[in-house]
Amino acid sequence: MEIRMRTISNIAAGLALGIVLASFILNTLGITHIDMTDALKTGGFVKAVFLPVDASVWINNIFSKQGSSGITIRDDDNK
């Protein structure tokens, strides 16, 4: 089974959202008193760790030809 970094990045985004929502729900129910700015910073950090993966996917999608799976290097014959 192959796990791609894009999948891991999406899981990290879900984890970041889960941290923020869990903090909000726990605060609303009065179970804990987590500062929401701390929860947002933690969630943002979890997602920010995977921003290079997202940027790589975006660059790959922008600069690759359709049907190819990577960045295409152009030369003089390839117009």
N, C-alpha and C. Protein backbone atom coordinates (compact mmCIF):
# COMPACT_ATOMS: atom_id res chain seq x y z
N MET A 1 0.85 -1.18 0.00
CA MET A 1 0.00 0.00 0.00
C MET A 1 0.89 1.24 0.00
N GLU A 2 0.61 2.13 -0.91
CA GLU A 2 1.41 3.34 -1.04
C GLU A 2 0.62 4.53 -0.50
N ILE A 3 1.23 5.25 0.43
CA ILE A 3 0.61 6.45 0.97
C ILE A 3 1.35 7.64 0.38
N ARG A 4 0.62 8.52 -0.26
CA ARG A 4 1.23 9.68 -0.90
C ARG A 4 1.28 10.86 0.08
N MET A 5 2.23 11.73 -0.13
CA MET A 5 2.38 12.89 0.75
C MET A 5 1.16 13.81 0.66
N ARG A 6 0.50 13.82 -0.48
CA ARG A 6 -0.71 14.63 -0.62
C ARG A 6 -1.78 14.14 0.36
N THR A 7 -1.89 12.83 0.51
CA THR A 7 -2.85 12.25 1.45
C THR A 7 -2.49 12.61 2.88
N ILE A 8 -1.21 12.54 3.20
CA ILE A 8 -0.76 12.89 4.55
C ILE A 8 -1.02 14.37 4.83
N SER A 9 -0.81 15.22 3.83
CA SER A 9 -1.08 16.64 3.99
C SER A 9 -2.56 16.89 4.26
N ASN A 10 -3.43 16.16 3.57
CA ASN A 10 -4.87 16.31 3.81
C ASN A 10 -5.25 15.80 5.19
N ILE A 11 -4.60 14.74 5.65
CA ILE A 11 -4.84 14.24 7.00
C ILE A 11 -4.40 15.28 8.03
N ALA A 12 -3.27 15.94 7.77
CA ALA A 12 -2.79 16.99 8.68
C ALA A 12 -3.77 18.15 8.74
N ALA A 13 -4.37 18.50 7.59
CA ALA A 13 -5.37 19.57 7.59
C ALA A 13 -6.58 19.17 8.43
N GLY A 14 -6.99 17.91 8.31
CA GLY A 14 -8.10 17.43 9.13
C GLY A 14 -7.76 17.42 10.60
N LEU A 15 -6.53 17.02 10.93
CA LEU A 15 -6.07 17.03 12.31
C LEU A 15 -6.06 18.44 12.88
N ALA A 16 -5.58 19.39 12.09
CA ALA A 16 -5.55 20.79 12.53
C ALA A 16 -6.97 21.29 12.80
N LEU A 17 -7.89 20.98 11.90
CA LEU A 17 -9.28 21.37 12.10
C LEU A 17 -9.86 20.67 13.32
N GLY A 18 -9.52 19.41 13.51
CA GLY A 18 -10.00 18.67 14.68
C GLY A 18 -9.52 19.26 15.99
N ILE A 19 -8.27 19.71 16.02
CA ILE A 19 -7.72 20.33 17.23
C ILE A 19 -8.50 21.58 17.59
N VAL A 20 -8.74 22.42 16.58
CA VAL A 20 -9.45 23.68 16.83
C VAL A 20 -10.90 23.41 17.25
N LEU A 21 -11.57 22.51 16.53
CA LEU A 21 -12.96 22.21 16.87
C LEU A 21 -13.09 21.54 18.24
N ALA A 22 -12.19 20.61 18.54
CA ALA A 22 -12.23 19.94 19.84
C ALA A 22 -12.01 20.95 20.97
N SER A 23 -11.07 21.86 20.78
CA SER A 23 -10.83 22.89 21.80
C SER A 23 -12.07 23.75 22.00
N PHE A 24 -12.69 24.13 20.88
CA PHE A 24 -13.90 24.96 20.97
C PHE A 24 -15.02 24.22 21.68
N ILE A 25 -15.24 22.96 21.32
CA ILE A 25 -16.32 22.19 21.94
C ILE A 25 -16.04 21.96 23.42
N LEU A 26 -14.80 21.62 23.77
CA LEU A 26 -14.47 21.40 25.18
C LEU A 26 -14.63 22.69 25.99
N ASN A 27 -14.28 23.83 25.39
CA ASN A 27 -14.47 25.11 26.08
C ASN A 27 -15.95 25.42 26.24
N THR A 28 -16.73 25.15 25.19
CA THR A 28 -18.16 25.43 25.25
C THR A 28 -18.85 24.61 26.32
N LEU A 29 -18.46 23.35 26.45
CA LEU A 29 -19.06 22.48 27.45
C LEU A 29 -18.52 22.73 28.86
N GLY A 30 -17.49 23.56 28.98
CA GLY A 30 -16.94 23.89 30.29
C GLY A 30 -16.02 22.81 30.85
N ILE A 31 -15.59 21.88 30.01
CA ILE A 31 -14.72 20.80 30.48
C ILE A 31 -13.30 21.30 30.68
N THR A 32 -12.83 22.11 29.75
CA THR A 32 -11.48 22.68 29.85
C THR A 32 -11.55 24.19 29.62
N HIS A 33 -10.43 24.82 29.80
CA HIS A 33 -10.34 26.26 29.54
C HIS A 33 -9.11 26.51 28.66
N ILE A 34 -9.16 26.03 27.45
CA ILE A 34 -8.06 26.21 26.50
C ILE A 34 -8.26 27.54 25.79
N ASP A 35 -7.22 28.34 25.77
CA ASP A 35 -7.29 29.62 25.06
C ASP A 35 -7.41 29.34 23.57
N MET A 36 -8.38 29.95 22.91
CA MET A 36 -8.62 29.68 21.49
C MET A 36 -7.47 30.15 20.62
N THR A 37 -6.76 31.18 21.03
CA THR A 37 -5.60 31.60 20.23
C THR A 37 -4.53 30.52 20.24
N ASP A 38 -4.38 29.85 21.38
CA ASP A 38 -3.42 28.73 21.44
C ASP A 38 -3.87 27.58 20.56
N ALA A 39 -5.17 27.29 20.56
CA ALA A 39 -5.69 26.21 19.72
C ALA A 39 -5.50 26.55 18.24
N LEU A 40 -5.76 27.80 17.87
CA LEU A 40 -5.57 28.22 16.47
C LEU A 40 -4.11 28.18 16.07
N LYS A 41 -3.22 28.60 16.96
CA LYS A 41 -1.79 28.55 16.66
C LYS A 41 -1.32 27.10 16.49
N THR A 42 -1.81 26.21 17.33
CA THR A 42 -1.42 24.80 17.23
C THR A 42 -1.95 24.19 15.94
N GLY A 43 -3.20 24.44 15.63
CA GLY A 43 -3.77 23.94 14.37
C GLY A 43 -3.06 24.52 13.16
N GLY A 44 -2.74 25.80 13.21
CA GLY A 44 -2.01 26.43 12.11
C GLY A 44 -0.62 25.85 11.94
N PHE A 45 0.04 25.54 13.06
CA PHE A 45 1.37 24.95 12.97
C PHE A 45 1.33 23.56 12.36
N VAL A 46 0.33 22.76 12.76
CA VAL A 46 0.21 21.41 12.21
C VAL A 46 0.04 21.48 10.69
N LYS A 47 -0.78 22.39 10.21
CA LYS A 47 -0.97 22.53 8.77
C LYS A 47 0.24 23.15 8.09
N ALA A 48 0.87 24.12 8.75
CA ALA A 48 2.02 24.81 8.15
C ALA A 48 3.20 23.88 7.91
N VAL A 49 3.32 22.84 8.72
CA VAL A 49 4.41 21.89 8.54
C VAL A 49 4.32 21.23 7.16
N PHE A 50 3.11 21.07 6.64
CA PHE A 50 2.91 20.40 5.37
C PHE A 50 2.71 21.36 4.20
N LEU A 51 2.91 22.66 4.38
CA LEU A 51 2.79 23.60 3.28
C LEU A 51 3.78 23.35 2.15
N PRO A 52 5.02 22.91 2.42
CA PRO A 52 5.90 22.57 1.30
C PRO A 52 5.34 21.45 0.43
N VAL A 53 4.64 20.51 1.01
CA VAL A 53 4.02 19.43 0.23
C VAL A 53 2.93 20.03 -0.66
N ASP A 54 2.11 20.90 -0.10
CA ASP A 54 1.05 21.53 -0.88
C ASP A 54 1.63 22.38 -2.00
N ALA A 55 2.68 23.13 -1.70
CA ALA A 55 3.32 23.96 -2.73
C ALA A 55 3.89 23.09 -3.85
N SER A 56 4.46 21.97 -3.50
CA SER A 56 5.00 21.06 -4.50
C SER A 56 3.90 20.52 -5.40
N VAL A 57 2.77 20.18 -4.82
CA VAL A 57 1.63 19.69 -5.62
C VAL A 57 1.13 20.78 -6.54
N TRP A 58 1.03 22.02 -6.04
CA TRP A 58 0.55 23.12 -6.86
C TRP A 58 1.50 23.37 -8.03
N ILE A 59 2.80 23.40 -7.73
CA ILE A 59 3.79 23.63 -8.79
C ILE A 59 3.73 22.51 -9.82
N ASN A 60 3.61 21.30 -9.36
CA ASN A 60 3.52 20.16 -10.26
C ASN A 60 2.28 20.27 -11.15
N ASN A 61 1.15 20.69 -10.59
CA ASN A 61 -0.07 20.83 -11.38
C ASN A 61 0.01 21.98 -12.37
N ILE A 62 0.68 23.04 -12.02
CA ILE A 62 0.76 24.21 -12.89
C ILE A 62 1.70 23.97 -14.06
N PHE A 63 2.86 23.39 -13.79
CA PHE A 63 3.90 23.32 -14.81
C PHE A 63 3.99 21.99 -15.55
N SER A 64 3.21 21.01 -15.18
CA SER A 64 3.30 19.73 -15.88
C SER A 64 2.34 19.72 -17.06
N LYS A 65 2.73 18.99 -18.10
CA LYS A 65 1.84 18.82 -19.25
C LYS A 65 0.78 17.82 -18.87
N GLN A 66 -0.36 17.92 -19.55
CA GLN A 66 -1.41 16.94 -19.27
C GLN A 66 -0.95 15.57 -19.70
N GLY A 67 -1.20 14.60 -18.86
CA GLY A 67 -0.80 13.23 -19.15
C GLY A 67 0.55 12.86 -18.58
N SER A 68 1.35 13.85 -18.19
CA SER A 68 2.64 13.54 -17.58
C SER A 68 2.49 13.62 -16.07
N SER A 69 3.44 13.05 -15.36
CA SER A 69 3.30 13.01 -13.91
C SER A 69 4.33 13.87 -13.20
N GLY A 70 5.00 14.75 -13.92
CA GLY A 70 6.02 15.57 -13.27
C GLY A 70 6.25 16.87 -14.00
N ILE A 71 7.21 17.62 -13.53
CA ILE A 71 7.56 18.89 -14.16
C ILE A 71 8.30 18.60 -15.45
N THR A 72 7.87 19.25 -16.50
CA THR A 72 8.48 19.03 -17.81
C THR A 72 9.59 20.04 -18.03
N ILE A 73 10.74 19.56 -18.45
CA ILE A 73 11.86 20.43 -18.76
C ILE A 73 11.82 20.73 -20.25
N ARG A 74 11.76 22.00 -20.59
CA ARG A 74 11.65 22.40 -21.99
C ARG A 74 13.05 22.62 -22.57
N ASP A 75 13.19 22.31 -23.85
CA ASP A 75 14.44 22.58 -24.54
C ASP A 75 14.10 23.32 -25.83
N ASP A 76 15.10 23.53 -26.72
CA ASP A 76 14.90 24.30 -27.94
C ASP A 76 13.92 23.63 -28.90
N ASP A 77 13.88 22.32 -28.92
CA ASP A 77 13.00 21.60 -29.83
C ASP A 77 11.58 21.48 -29.31
N ASN A 78 11.39 21.71 -28.06
CA ASN A 78 10.09 21.56 -27.43
C ASN A 78 9.43 22.92 -27.31
N LYS A 79 8.64 23.29 -28.30
CA LYS A 79 8.07 24.64 -28.33
C LYS A 79 6.74 24.66 -27.73
